[in-house]
Amino acid sequence: MADKLSLDSASARPWFVVEPPFNEGAPWINAGSPDPHGGEFVCDLAWPHEFETPENVARTEANAELIVQAVNEHAALAALEVGLREAFDSGRPLNSPIVQATLRSHLAAIEEVRRG
């Protein structure tokens, strides 16, 4: 496995957990569209039938949502990391107007990604 993960070679974002009416069973993840007819299949998450309890179903659905959120927010979080590293490397105090503007910009980008 590579030392540093990159989404450049992965399916295009945003990713979605496919929901009803397209999916009534174990969750699966689609790229580009929540409609499986217009998007690209990424993966499915399944539970063994003998373990299909309400708790396991809820945990599997939560896992799918977490994966999608992490992928969709990756670019904004990476940009925030770059901005913070530049601030620390430059020796500028974090309360400087430039750093504050950079942080506001990155936080706005993260919120935009979350809104989809």
PDB file of N, CA and C in Angstrom:
ATOM      1  N   MET A   1       0.845  -1.181   0.000  1.00  0.00           N
ATOM      2  CA  MET A   1       0.000   0.000   0.000  1.00  0.00           C
ATOM      3  C   MET A   1       0.893   1.248   0.000  1.00  0.00           C
ATOM      4  N   ALA A   2       0.455   2.253  -0.690  1.00  0.00           N
ATOM      5  CA  ALA A   2       1.225   3.492  -0.771  1.00  0.00           C
ATOM      6  C   ALA A   2       1.299   4.167   0.592  1.00  0.00           C
ATOM      7  N   ASP A   3       2.383   4.921   0.804  1.00  0.00           N
ATOM      8  CA  ASP A   3       2.529   5.653   2.062  1.00  0.00           C
ATOM      9  C   ASP A   3       1.477   6.740   2.203  1.00  0.00           C
ATOM     10  N   LYS A   4       1.128   7.368   1.107  1.00  0.00           N
ATOM     11  CA  LYS A   4       0.170   8.466   1.142  1.00  0.00           C
ATOM     12  C   LYS A   4      -1.003   8.134   0.229  1.00  0.00           C
ATOM     13  N   LEU A   5      -2.201   8.183   0.776  1.00  0.00           N
ATOM     14  CA  LEU A   5      -3.382   7.876  -0.010  1.00  0.00           C
ATOM     15  C   LEU A   5      -3.732   9.052  -0.906  1.00  0.00           C
ATOM     16  N   SER A   6      -4.162   8.742  -2.110  1.00  0.00           N
ATOM     17  CA  SER A   6      -4.584   9.768  -3.051  1.00  0.00           C
ATOM     18  C   SER A   6      -5.908   9.343  -3.656  1.00  0.00           C
ATOM     19  N   LEU A   7      -6.814  10.294  -3.751  1.00  0.00           N
ATOM     20  CA  LEU A   7      -8.102   9.994  -4.362  1.00  0.00           C
ATOM     21  C   LEU A   7      -8.088  10.245  -5.865  1.00  0.00           C
ATOM     22  N   ASP A   8      -6.957  10.698  -6.394  1.00  0.00           N
ATOM     23  CA  ASP A   8      -6.889  11.016  -7.817  1.00  0.00           C
ATOM     24  C   ASP A   8      -7.184   9.816  -8.700  1.00  0.00           C
ATOM     25  N   SER A   9      -6.799   8.633  -8.270  1.00  0.00           N
ATOM     26  CA  SER A   9      -7.023   7.444  -9.086  1.00  0.00           C
ATOM     27  C   SER A   9      -8.315   6.719  -8.722  1.00  0.00           C
ATOM     28  N   ALA A  10      -9.019   7.208  -7.722  1.00  0.00           N
ATOM     29  CA  ALA A  10     -10.284   6.598  -7.307  1.00  0.00           C
ATOM     30  C   ALA A  10     -11.441   7.173  -8.132  1.00  0.00           C
ATOM     31  N   SER A  11     -12.603   6.630  -7.943  1.00  0.00           N
ATOM     32  CA  SER A  11     -13.798   7.118  -8.633  1.00  0.00           C
ATOM     33  C   SER A  11     -14.061   8.575  -8.275  1.00  0.00           C
ATOM     34  N   ALA A  12     -14.644   9.297  -9.219  1.00  0.00           N
ATOM     35  CA  ALA A  12     -14.925  10.720  -9.025  1.00  0.00           C
ATOM     36  C   ALA A  12     -15.859  10.928  -7.836  1.00  0.00           C
ATOM     37  N   ARG A  13     -15.714  12.077  -7.205  1.00  0.00           N
ATOM     38  CA  ARG A  13     -16.586  12.443  -6.107  1.00  0.00           C
ATOM     39  C   ARG A  13     -17.684  13.365  -6.619  1.00  0.00           C
ATOM     40  N   PRO A  14     -18.762  13.506  -5.931  1.00  0.00           N
ATOM     41  CA  PRO A  14     -19.044  12.959  -4.602  1.00  0.00           C
ATOM     42  C   PRO A  14     -19.493  11.499  -4.670  1.00  0.00           C
ATOM     43  N   TRP A  15     -19.354  10.848  -3.525  1.00  0.00           N
ATOM     44  CA  TRP A  15     -19.847   9.490  -3.357  1.00  0.00           C
ATOM     45  C   TRP A  15     -21.153   9.552  -2.579  1.00  0.00           C
ATOM     46  N   PHE A  16     -21.980   8.534  -2.763  1.00  0.00           N
ATOM     47  CA  PHE A  16     -23.294   8.459  -2.126  1.00  0.00           C
ATOM     48  C   PHE A  16     -23.544   7.049  -1.625  1.00  0.00           C
ATOM     49  N   VAL A  17     -24.300   6.936  -0.538  1.00  0.00           N
ATOM     50  CA  VAL A  17     -24.844   5.647  -0.124  1.00  0.00           C
ATOM     51  C   VAL A  17     -26.166   5.514  -0.872  1.00  0.00           C
ATOM     52  N   VAL A  18     -26.311   4.451  -1.638  1.00  0.00           N
ATOM     53  CA  VAL A  18     -27.523   4.244  -2.432  1.00  0.00           C
ATOM     54  C   VAL A  18     -28.656   3.846  -1.499  1.00  0.00           C
ATOM     55  N   GLU A  19     -29.757   4.561  -1.611  1.00  0.00           N
ATOM     56  CA  GLU A  19     -30.896   4.377  -0.716  1.00  0.00           C
ATOM     57  C   GLU A  19     -32.144   3.988  -1.510  1.00  0.00           C
ATOM     58  N   PRO A  20     -33.237   3.659  -0.814  1.00  0.00           N
ATOM     59  CA  PRO A  20     -34.487   3.370  -1.510  1.00  0.00           C
ATOM     60  C   PRO A  20     -34.880   4.545  -2.396  1.00  0.00           C
ATOM     61  N   PRO A  21     -35.499   4.325  -3.507  1.00  0.00           N
ATOM     62  CA  PRO A  21     -36.099   3.076  -3.950  1.00  0.00           C
ATOM     63  C   PRO A  21     -35.143   2.130  -4.662  1.00  0.00           C
ATOM     64  N   PHE A  22     -33.878   2.536  -4.837  1.00  0.00           N
ATOM     65  CA  PHE A  22     -32.932   1.707  -5.583  1.00  0.00           C
ATOM     66  C   PHE A  22     -32.355   0.581  -4.757  1.00  0.00           C
ATOM     67  N   ASN A  23     -32.367   0.718  -3.458  1.00  0.00           N
ATOM     68  CA  ASN A  23     -31.736  -0.280  -2.603  1.00  0.00           C
ATOM     69  C   ASN A  23     -32.583  -0.500  -1.360  1.00  0.00           C
ATOM     70  N   GLU A  24     -32.984  -1.724  -1.173  1.00  0.00           N
ATOM     71  CA  GLU A  24     -33.757  -2.090   0.018  1.00  0.00           C
ATOM     72  C   GLU A  24     -32.970  -3.029   0.931  1.00  0.00           C
ATOM     73  N   GLY A  25     -31.750  -3.378   0.549  1.00  0.00           N
ATOM     74  CA  GLY A  25     -30.963  -4.324   1.331  1.00  0.00           C
ATOM     75  C   GLY A  25     -29.743  -3.679   1.941  1.00  0.00           C
ATOM     76  N   ALA A  26     -28.655  -4.441   1.990  1.00  0.00           N
ATOM     77  CA  ALA A  26     -27.402  -3.943   2.544  1.00  0.00           C
ATOM     78  C   ALA A  26     -26.941  -2.735   1.725  1.00  0.00           C
ATOM     79  N   PRO A  27     -26.343  -1.736   2.386  1.00  0.00           N
ATOM     80  CA  PRO A  27     -25.960  -0.522   1.663  1.00  0.00           C
ATOM     81  C   PRO A  27     -24.855  -0.768   0.648  1.00  0.00           C
ATOM     82  N   TRP A  28     -24.900   0.035  -0.412  1.00  0.00           N
ATOM     83  CA  TRP A  28     -23.769   0.077  -1.318  1.00  0.00           C
ATOM     84  C   TRP A  28     -23.452   1.519  -1.639  1.00  0.00           C
ATOM     85  N   ILE A  29     -22.227   1.726  -2.138  1.00  0.00           N
ATOM     86  CA  ILE A  29     -21.719   3.070  -2.387  1.00  0.00           C
ATOM     87  C   ILE A  29     -21.571   3.273  -3.886  1.00  0.00           C
ATOM     88  N   ASN A  30     -22.024   4.436  -4.327  1.00  0.00           N
ATOM     89  CA  ASN A  30     -21.980   4.824  -5.730  1.00  0.00           C
ATOM     90  C   ASN A  30     -21.221   6.134  -5.859  1.00  0.00           C
ATOM     91  N   ALA A  31     -20.508   6.322  -6.952  1.00  0.00           N
ATOM     92  CA  ALA A  31     -19.801   7.574  -7.210  1.00  0.00           C
ATOM     93  C   ALA A  31     -20.534   8.362  -8.282  1.00  0.00           C
ATOM     94  N   GLY A  32     -20.587   9.686  -8.092  1.00  0.00           N
ATOM     95  CA  GLY A  32     -21.123  10.564  -9.112  1.00  0.00           C
ATOM     96  C   GLY A  32     -22.611  10.810  -9.057  1.00  0.00           C
ATOM     97  N   SER A  33     -23.372   9.883  -8.511  1.00  0.00           N
ATOM     98  CA  SER A  33     -24.824  10.038  -8.458  1.00  0.00           C
ATOM     99  C   SER A  33     -25.406   9.072  -7.428  1.00  0.00           C
ATOM    100  N   PRO A  34     -26.444   9.512  -6.704  1.00  0.00           N
ATOM    101  CA  PRO A  34     -27.103   8.585  -5.793  1.00  0.00           C
ATOM    102  C   PRO A  34     -27.993   7.585  -6.540  1.00  0.00           C
ATOM    103  N   ASP A  35     -28.215   7.849  -7.814  1.00  0.00           N
ATOM    104  CA  ASP A  35     -29.004   6.953  -8.672  1.00  0.00           C
ATOM    105  C   ASP A  35     -28.051   5.964  -9.326  1.00  0.00           C
ATOM    106  N   PRO A  36     -28.191   4.673  -9.052  1.00  0.00           N
ATOM    107  CA  PRO A  36     -27.253   3.700  -9.606  1.00  0.00           C
ATOM    108  C   PRO A  36     -27.263   3.644 -11.128  1.00  0.00           C
ATOM    109  N   HIS A  37     -28.312   4.171 -11.770  1.00  0.00           N
ATOM    110  CA  HIS A  37     -28.359   4.178 -13.224  1.00  0.00           C
ATOM    111  C   HIS A  37     -27.504   5.294 -13.816  1.00  0.00           C
ATOM    112  N   GLY A  38     -27.151   6.292 -12.992  1.00  0.00           N
ATOM    113  CA  GLY A  38     -26.385   7.422 -13.497  1.00  0.00           C
ATOM    114  C   GLY A  38     -25.019   7.544 -12.876  1.00  0.00           C
ATOM    115  N   GLY A  39     -24.696   6.662 -11.972  1.00  0.00           N
ATOM    116  CA  GLY A  39     -23.417   6.751 -11.287  1.00  0.00           C
ATOM    117  C   GLY A  39     -22.558   5.528 -11.537  1.00  0.00           C
ATOM    118  N   GLU A  40     -21.472   5.461 -10.791  1.00  0.00           N
ATOM    119  CA  GLU A  40     -20.529   4.349 -10.908  1.00  0.00           C
ATOM    120  C   GLU A  40     -20.517   3.569  -9.606  1.00  0.00           C
ATOM    121  N   PHE A  41     -20.718   2.261  -9.685  1.00  0.00           N
ATOM    122  CA  PHE A  41     -20.676   1.397  -8.510  1.00  0.00           C
ATOM    123  C   PHE A  41     -19.270   1.423  -7.926  1.00  0.00           C
ATOM    124  N   VAL A  42     -19.171   1.637  -6.598  1.00  0.00           N
ATOM    125  CA  VAL A  42     -17.880   1.629  -5.913  1.00  0.00           C
ATOM    126  C   VAL A  42     -17.716   0.345  -5.114  1.00  0.00           C
ATOM    127  N   CYS A  43     -18.643   0.079  -4.192  1.00  0.00           N
ATOM    128  CA  CYS A  43     -18.564  -1.141  -3.387  1.00  0.00           C
ATOM    129  C   CYS A  43     -19.885  -1.372  -2.672  1.00  0.00           C
ATOM    130  N   ASP A  44     -20.051  -2.572  -2.170  1.00  0.00           N
ATOM    131  CA  ASP A  44     -21.212  -2.831  -1.325  1.00  0.00           C
ATOM    132  C   ASP A  44     -20.738  -3.340   0.025  1.00  0.00           C
ATOM    133  N   LEU A  45     -21.585  -3.154   1.003  1.00  0.00           N
ATOM    134  CA  LEU A  45     -21.311  -3.621   2.354  1.00  0.00           C
ATOM    135  C   LEU A  45     -22.390  -4.645   2.677  1.00  0.00           C
ATOM    136  N   ALA A  46     -21.992  -5.773   3.155  1.00  0.00           N
ATOM    137  CA  ALA A  46     -22.963  -6.831   3.407  1.00  0.00           C
ATOM    138  C   ALA A  46     -22.773  -7.394   4.798  1.00  0.00           C
ATOM    139  N   TRP A  47     -23.829  -7.993   5.311  1.00  0.00           N
ATOM    140  CA  TRP A  47     -23.762  -8.699   6.568  1.00  0.00           C
ATOM    141  C   TRP A  47     -24.220 -10.123   6.299  1.00  0.00           C
ATOM    142  N   PRO A  48     -23.606 -11.110   6.944  1.00  0.00           N
ATOM    143  CA  PRO A  48     -24.076 -12.494   6.782  1.00  0.00           C
ATOM    144  C   PRO A  48     -25.519 -12.600   7.266  1.00  0.00           C
ATOM    145  N   HIS A  49     -26.330 -13.343   6.537  1.00  0.00           N
ATOM    146  CA  HIS A  49     -27.758 -13.435   6.873  1.00  0.00           C
ATOM    147  C   HIS A  49     -28.006 -13.876   8.303  1.00  0.00           C
ATOM    148  N   GLU A  50     -27.154 -14.753   8.825  1.00  0.00           N
ATOM    149  CA  GLU A  50     -27.374 -15.210  10.200  1.00  0.00           C
ATOM    150  C   GLU A  50     -27.079 -14.115  11.222  1.00  0.00           C
ATOM    151  N   PHE A  51     -26.407 -13.037  10.787  1.00  0.00           N
ATOM    152  CA  PHE A  51     -26.098 -11.924  11.680  1.00  0.00           C
ATOM    153  C   PHE A  51     -26.885 -10.660  11.332  1.00  0.00           C
ATOM    154  N   GLU A  52     -27.974 -10.812  10.594  1.00  0.00           N
ATOM    155  CA  GLU A  52     -28.758  -9.663  10.158  1.00  0.00           C
ATOM    156  C   GLU A  52     -29.689  -9.204  11.283  1.00  0.00           C
ATOM    157  N   THR A  53     -29.070  -8.648  12.316  1.00  0.00           N
ATOM    158  CA  THR A  53     -29.822  -8.113  13.444  1.00  0.00           C
ATOM    159  C   THR A  53     -30.012  -6.615  13.227  1.00  0.00           C
ATOM    160  N   PRO A  54     -30.974  -5.999  13.896  1.00  0.00           N
ATOM    161  CA  PRO A  54     -31.125  -4.544  13.753  1.00  0.00           C
ATOM    162  C   PRO A  54     -29.846  -3.779  14.095  1.00  0.00           C
ATOM    163  N   GLU A  55     -29.104  -4.247  15.091  1.00  0.00           N
ATOM    164  CA  GLU A  55     -27.870  -3.575  15.471  1.00  0.00           C
ATOM    165  C   GLU A  55     -26.816  -3.670  14.371  1.00  0.00           C
ATOM    166  N   ASN A  56     -26.664  -4.851  13.771  1.00  0.00           N
ATOM    167  CA  ASN A  56     -25.674  -5.029  12.704  1.00  0.00           C
ATOM    168  C   ASN A  56     -26.062  -4.259  11.445  1.00  0.00           C
ATOM    169  N   VAL A  57     -27.350  -4.218  11.139  1.00  0.00           N
ATOM    170  CA  VAL A  57     -27.816  -3.451   9.983  1.00  0.00           C
ATOM    171  C   VAL A  57     -27.507  -1.969  10.201  1.00  0.00           C
ATOM    172  N   ALA A  58     -27.818  -1.452  11.383  1.00  0.00           N
ATOM    173  CA  ALA A  58     -27.555  -0.041  11.686  1.00  0.00           C
ATOM    174  C   ALA A  58     -26.059   0.258  11.637  1.00  0.00           C
ATOM    175  N   ARG A  59     -25.227  -0.647  12.147  1.00  0.00           N
ATOM    176  CA  ARG A  59     -23.775  -0.436  12.139  1.00  0.00           C
ATOM    177  C   ARG A  59     -23.247  -0.442  10.701  1.00  0.00           C
ATOM    178  N   THR A  60     -23.743  -1.340   9.870  1.00  0.00           N
ATOM    179  CA  THR A  60     -23.306  -1.399   8.476  1.00  0.00           C
ATOM    180  C   THR A  60     -23.705  -0.126   7.736  1.00  0.00           C
ATOM    181  N   GLU A  61     -24.909   0.361   7.980  1.00  0.00           N
ATOM    182  CA  GLU A  61     -25.344   1.614   7.352  1.00  0.00           C
ATOM    183  C   GLU A  61     -24.497   2.788   7.831  1.00  0.00           C
ATOM    184  N   ALA A  62     -24.162   2.817   9.113  1.00  0.00           N
ATOM    185  CA  ALA A  62     -23.307   3.880   9.654  1.00  0.00           C
ATOM    186  C   ALA A  62     -21.904   3.800   9.051  1.00  0.00           C
ATOM    187  N   ASN A  63     -21.386   2.593   8.862  1.00  0.00           N
ATOM    188  CA  ASN A  63     -20.073   2.428   8.238  1.00  0.00           C
ATOM    189  C   ASN A  63     -20.070   2.975   6.819  1.00  0.00           C
ATOM    190  N   ALA A  64     -21.114   2.691   6.062  1.00  0.00           N
ATOM    191  CA  ALA A  64     -21.210   3.194   4.685  1.00  0.00           C
ATOM    192  C   ALA A  64     -21.241   4.716   4.678  1.00  0.00           C
ATOM    193  N   GLU A  65     -22.016   5.320   5.562  1.00  0.00           N
ATOM    194  CA  GLU A  65     -22.092   6.786   5.641  1.00  0.00           C
ATOM    195  C   GLU A  65     -20.734   7.384   6.012  1.00  0.00           C
ATOM    196  N   LEU A  66     -20.015   6.743   6.921  1.00  0.00           N
ATOM    197  CA  LEU A  66     -18.700   7.231   7.340  1.00  0.00           C
ATOM    198  C   LEU A  66     -17.700   7.183   6.186  1.00  0.00           C
ATOM    199  N   ILE A  67     -17.705   6.109   5.429  1.00  0.00           N
ATOM    200  CA  ILE A  67     -16.803   5.983   4.278  1.00  0.00           C
ATOM    201  C   ILE A  67     -17.085   7.096   3.274  1.00  0.00           C
ATOM    202  N   VAL A  68     -18.356   7.303   2.961  1.00  0.00           N
ATOM    203  CA  VAL A  68     -18.749   8.337   1.995  1.00  0.00           C
ATOM    204  C   VAL A  68     -18.338   9.724   2.496  1.00  0.00           C
ATOM    205  N   GLN A  69     -18.596  10.007   3.754  1.00  0.00           N
ATOM    206  CA  GLN A  69     -18.240  11.312   4.314  1.00  0.00           C
ATOM    207  C   GLN A  69     -16.730  11.534   4.263  1.00  0.00           C
ATOM    208  N   ALA A  70     -15.963  10.521   4.611  1.00  0.00           N
ATOM    209  CA  ALA A  70     -14.500  10.658   4.607  1.00  0.00           C
ATOM    210  C   ALA A  70     -13.979  10.931   3.199  1.00  0.00           C
ATOM    211  N   VAL A  71     -14.492  10.226   2.210  1.00  0.00           N
ATOM    212  CA  VAL A  71     -14.048  10.438   0.831  1.00  0.00           C
ATOM    213  C   VAL A  71     -14.454  11.821   0.347  1.00  0.00           C
ATOM    214  N   ASN A  72     -15.698  12.210   0.596  1.00  0.00           N
ATOM    215  CA  ASN A  72     -16.187  13.492   0.105  1.00  0.00           C
ATOM    216  C   ASN A  72     -15.505  14.681   0.763  1.00  0.00           C
ATOM    217  N   GLU A  73     -15.070  14.543   1.997  1.00  0.00           N
ATOM    218  CA  GLU A  73     -14.431  15.656   2.708  1.00  0.00           C
ATOM    219  C   GLU A  73     -12.906  15.639   2.597  1.00  0.00           C
ATOM    220  N   HIS A  74     -12.362  14.629   1.966  1.00  0.00           N
ATOM    221  CA  HIS A  74     -10.912  14.477   1.891  1.00  0.00           C
ATOM    222  C   HIS A  74     -10.230  15.699   1.286  1.00  0.00           C
ATOM    223  N   ALA A  75     -10.702  16.204   0.158  1.00  0.00           N
ATOM    224  CA  ALA A  75     -10.034  17.328  -0.512  1.00  0.00           C
ATOM    225  C   ALA A  75     -10.030  18.579   0.362  1.00  0.00           C
ATOM    226  N   ALA A  76     -11.159  18.878   0.985  1.00  0.00           N
ATOM    227  CA  ALA A  76     -11.232  20.072   1.830  1.00  0.00           C
ATOM    228  C   ALA A  76     -10.329  19.924   3.049  1.00  0.00           C
ATOM    229  N   LEU A  77     -10.286  18.742   3.630  1.00  0.00           N
ATOM    230  CA  LEU A  77      -9.422  18.531   4.792  1.00  0.00           C
ATOM    231  C   LEU A  77      -7.951  18.581   4.399  1.00  0.00           C
ATOM    232  N   ALA A  78      -7.613  18.064   3.226  1.00  0.00           N
ATOM    233  CA  ALA A  78      -6.226  18.128   2.760  1.00  0.00           C
ATOM    234  C   ALA A  78      -5.820  19.581   2.544  1.00  0.00           C
ATOM    235  N   ALA A  79      -6.715  20.400   1.993  1.00  0.00           N
ATOM    236  CA  ALA A  79      -6.425  21.822   1.789  1.00  0.00           C
ATOM    237  C   ALA A  79      -6.244  22.531   3.127  1.00  0.00           C
ATOM    238  N   LEU A  80      -7.063  22.174   4.108  1.00  0.00           N
ATOM    239  CA  LEU A  80      -6.927  22.761   5.436  1.00  0.00           C
ATOM    240  C   LEU A  80      -5.572  22.401   6.034  1.00  0.00           C
ATOM    241  N   GLU A  81      -5.155  21.150   5.860  1.00  0.00           N
ATOM    242  CA  GLU A  81      -3.851  20.731   6.373  1.00  0.00           C
ATOM    243  C   GLU A  81      -2.733  21.542   5.728  1.00  0.00           C
ATOM    244  N   VAL A  82      -2.808  21.730   4.413  1.00  0.00           N
ATOM    245  CA  VAL A  82      -1.779  22.515   3.715  1.00  0.00           C
ATOM    246  C   VAL A  82      -1.734  23.938   4.260  1.00  0.00           C
ATOM    247  N   GLY A  83      -2.914  24.548   4.433  1.00  0.00           N
ATOM    248  CA  GLY A  83      -2.965  25.906   4.958  1.00  0.00           C
ATOM    249  C   GLY A  83      -2.379  26.017   6.354  1.00  0.00           C
ATOM    250  N   LEU A  84      -2.700  25.058   7.188  1.00  0.00           N
ATOM    251  CA  LEU A  84      -2.161  25.074   8.546  1.00  0.00           C
ATOM    252  C   LEU A  84      -0.648  24.861   8.557  1.00  0.00           C
ATOM    253  N   ARG A  85      -0.184  23.940   7.720  1.00  0.00           N
ATOM    254  CA  ARG A  85       1.262  23.700   7.654  1.00  0.00           C
ATOM    255  C   ARG A  85       2.000  24.950   7.178  1.00  0.00           C
ATOM    256  N   GLU A  86       1.434  25.628   6.176  1.00  0.00           N
ATOM    257  CA  GLU A  86       2.057  26.855   5.679  1.00  0.00           C
ATOM    258  C   GLU A  86       2.099  27.913   6.778  1.00  0.00           C
ATOM    259  N   ALA A  87       1.027  28.002   7.558  1.00  0.00           N
ATOM    260  CA  ALA A  87       0.997  28.982   8.641  1.00  0.00           C
ATOM    261  C   ALA A  87       2.073  28.680   9.683  1.00  0.00           C
ATOM    262  N   PHE A  88       2.168  27.415  10.076  1.00  0.00           N
ATOM    263  CA  PHE A  88       3.166  27.053  11.072  1.00  0.00           C
ATOM    264  C   PHE A  88       4.582  27.224  10.528  1.00  0.00           C
ATOM    265  N   ASP A  89       4.798  26.804   9.271  1.00  0.00           N
ATOM    266  CA  ASP A  89       6.128  26.898   8.679  1.00  0.00           C
ATOM    267  C   ASP A  89       6.580  28.342   8.495  1.00  0.00           C
ATOM    268  N   SER A  90       5.632  29.241   8.273  1.00  0.00           N
ATOM    269  CA  SER A  90       5.988  30.635   8.034  1.00  0.00           C
ATOM    270  C   SER A  90       6.325  31.374   9.328  1.00  0.00           C
ATOM    271  N   GLY A  91       5.930  30.805  10.455  1.00  0.00           N
ATOM    272  CA  GLY A  91       6.172  31.460  11.721  1.00  0.00           C
ATOM    273  C   GLY A  91       5.158  32.541  12.043  1.00  0.00           C
ATOM    274  N   ARG A  92       4.158  32.722  11.173  1.00  0.00           N
ATOM    275  CA  ARG A  92       3.124  33.723  11.452  1.00  0.00           C
ATOM    276  C   ARG A  92       2.265  33.229  12.611  1.00  0.00           C
ATOM    277  N   PRO A  93       1.850  34.117  13.477  1.00  0.00           N
ATOM    278  CA  PRO A  93       0.951  33.693  14.553  1.00  0.00           C
ATOM    279  C   PRO A  93      -0.404  33.293  13.972  1.00  0.00           C
ATOM    280  N   LEU A  94      -1.050  32.333  14.609  1.00  0.00           N
ATOM    281  CA  LEU A  94      -2.332  31.842  14.104  1.00  0.00           C
ATOM    282  C   LEU A  94      -3.440  32.883  14.195  1.00  0.00           C
ATOM    283  N   ASN A  95      -3.229  33.946  14.939  1.00  0.00           N
ATOM    284  CA  ASN A  95      -4.270  34.968  15.029  1.00  0.00           C
ATOM    285  C   ASN A  95      -4.041  36.115  14.045  1.00  0.00           C
ATOM    286  N   SER A  96      -3.109  35.932  13.106  1.00  0.00           N
ATOM    287  CA  SER A  96      -2.880  36.983  12.109  1.00  0.00           C
ATOM    288  C   SER A  96      -4.044  37.018  11.124  1.00  0.00           C
ATOM    289  N   PRO A  97      -4.329  38.159  10.528  1.00  0.00           N
ATOM    290  CA  PRO A  97      -5.436  38.261   9.568  1.00  0.00           C
ATOM    291  C   PRO A  97      -5.294  37.301   8.388  1.00  0.00           C
ATOM    292  N   ILE A  98      -4.078  37.077   7.920  1.00  0.00           N
ATOM    293  CA  ILE A  98      -3.871  36.170   6.782  1.00  0.00           C
ATOM    294  C   ILE A  98      -4.246  34.741   7.164  1.00  0.00           C
ATOM    295  N   VAL A  99      -3.780  34.307   8.325  1.00  0.00           N
ATOM    296  CA  VAL A  99      -4.087  32.940   8.774  1.00  0.00           C
ATOM    297  C   VAL A  99      -5.580  32.797   9.040  1.00  0.00           C
ATOM    298  N   GLN A 100      -6.180  33.791   9.655  1.00  0.00           N
ATOM    299  CA  GLN A 100      -7.613  33.731   9.931  1.00  0.00           C
ATOM    300  C   GLN A 100      -8.406  33.652   8.629  1.00  0.00           C
ATOM    301  N   ALA A 101      -8.021  34.416   7.619  1.00  0.00           N
ATOM    302  CA  ALA A 101      -8.706  34.374   6.322  1.00  0.00           C
ATOM    303  C   ALA A 101      -8.540  33.002   5.672  1.00  0.00           C
ATOM    304  N   THR A 102      -7.345  32.433   5.779  1.00  0.00           N
ATOM    305  CA  THR A 102      -7.100  31.103   5.218  1.00  0.00           C
ATOM    306  C   THR A 102      -7.961  30.064   5.918  1.00  0.00           C
ATOM    307  N   LEU A 103      -8.007  30.125   7.246  1.00  0.00           N
ATOM    308  CA  LEU A 103      -8.827  29.170   7.996  1.00  0.00           C
ATOM    309  C   LEU A 103     -10.306  29.321   7.642  1.00  0.00           C
ATOM    310  N   ARG A 104     -10.789  30.564   7.542  1.00  0.00           N
ATOM    311  CA  ARG A 104     -12.192  30.777   7.164  1.00  0.00           C
ATOM    312  C   ARG A 104     -12.474  30.192   5.785  1.00  0.00           C
ATOM    313  N   SER A 105     -11.556  30.389   4.863  1.00  0.00           N
ATOM    314  CA  SER A 105     -11.728  29.871   3.510  1.00  0.00           C
ATOM    315  C   SER A 105     -11.791  28.343   3.501  1.00  0.00           C
ATOM    316  N   HIS A 106     -10.887  27.716   4.243  1.00  0.00           N
ATOM    317  CA  HIS A 106     -10.865  26.256   4.282  1.00  0.00           C
ATOM    318  C   HIS A 106     -12.092  25.703   4.999  1.00  0.00           C
ATOM    319  N   LEU A 107     -12.505  26.346   6.061  1.00  0.00           N
ATOM    320  CA  LEU A 107     -13.702  25.891   6.767  1.00  0.00           C
ATOM    321  C   LEU A 107     -14.934  26.054   5.894  1.00  0.00           C
ATOM    322  N   ALA A 108     -15.005  27.112   5.103  1.00  0.00           N
ATOM    323  CA  ALA A 108     -16.123  27.294   4.174  1.00  0.00           C
ATOM    324  C   ALA A 108     -16.119  26.189   3.125  1.00  0.00           C
ATOM    325  N   ALA A 109     -14.934  25.794   2.663  1.00  0.00           N
ATOM    326  CA  ALA A 109     -14.840  24.712   1.683  1.00  0.00           C
ATOM    327  C   ALA A 109     -15.319  23.394   2.270  1.00  0.00           C
ATOM    328  N   ILE A 110     -14.969  23.143   3.514  1.00  0.00           N
ATOM    329  CA  ILE A 110     -15.427  21.920   4.177  1.00  0.00           C
ATOM    330  C   ILE A 110     -16.946  21.932   4.288  1.00  0.00           C
ATOM    331  N   GLU A 111     -17.522  23.057   4.672  1.00  0.00           N
ATOM    332  CA  GLU A 111     -18.987  23.153   4.789  1.00  0.00           C
ATOM    333  C   GLU A 111     -19.653  22.951   3.432  1.00  0.00           C
ATOM    334  N   GLU A 112     -19.066  23.478   2.375  1.00  0.00           N
ATOM    335  CA  GLU A 112     -19.621  23.293   1.030  1.00  0.00           C
ATOM    336  C   GLU A 112     -19.636  21.829   0.638  1.00  0.00           C
ATOM    337  N   VAL A 113     -18.557  21.118   0.955  1.00  0.00           N
ATOM    338  CA  VAL A 113     -18.493  19.692   0.665  1.00  0.00           C
ATOM    339  C   VAL A 113     -19.559  18.941   1.445  1.00  0.00           C
ATOM    340  N   ARG A 114     -19.747  19.302   2.697  1.00  0.00           N
ATOM    341  CA  ARG A 114     -20.752  18.638   3.528  1.00  0.00           C
ATOM    342  C   ARG A 114     -22.163  18.846   2.989  1.00  0.00           C
ATOM    343  N   ARG A 115     -22.424  20.028   2.439  1.00  0.00           N
ATOM    344  CA  ARG A 115     -23.748  20.298   1.876  1.00  0.00           C
ATOM    345  C   ARG A 115     -23.975  19.555   0.568  1.00  0.00           C
ATOM    346  N   GLY A 116     -22.896  19.133  -0.060  1.00  0.00           N
ATOM    347  CA  GLY A 116     -22.998  18.379  -1.309  1.00  0.00           C
ATOM    348  C   GLY A 116     -23.204  19.297  -2.445  1.00  0.00           C
TER     349      GLY A 116
END
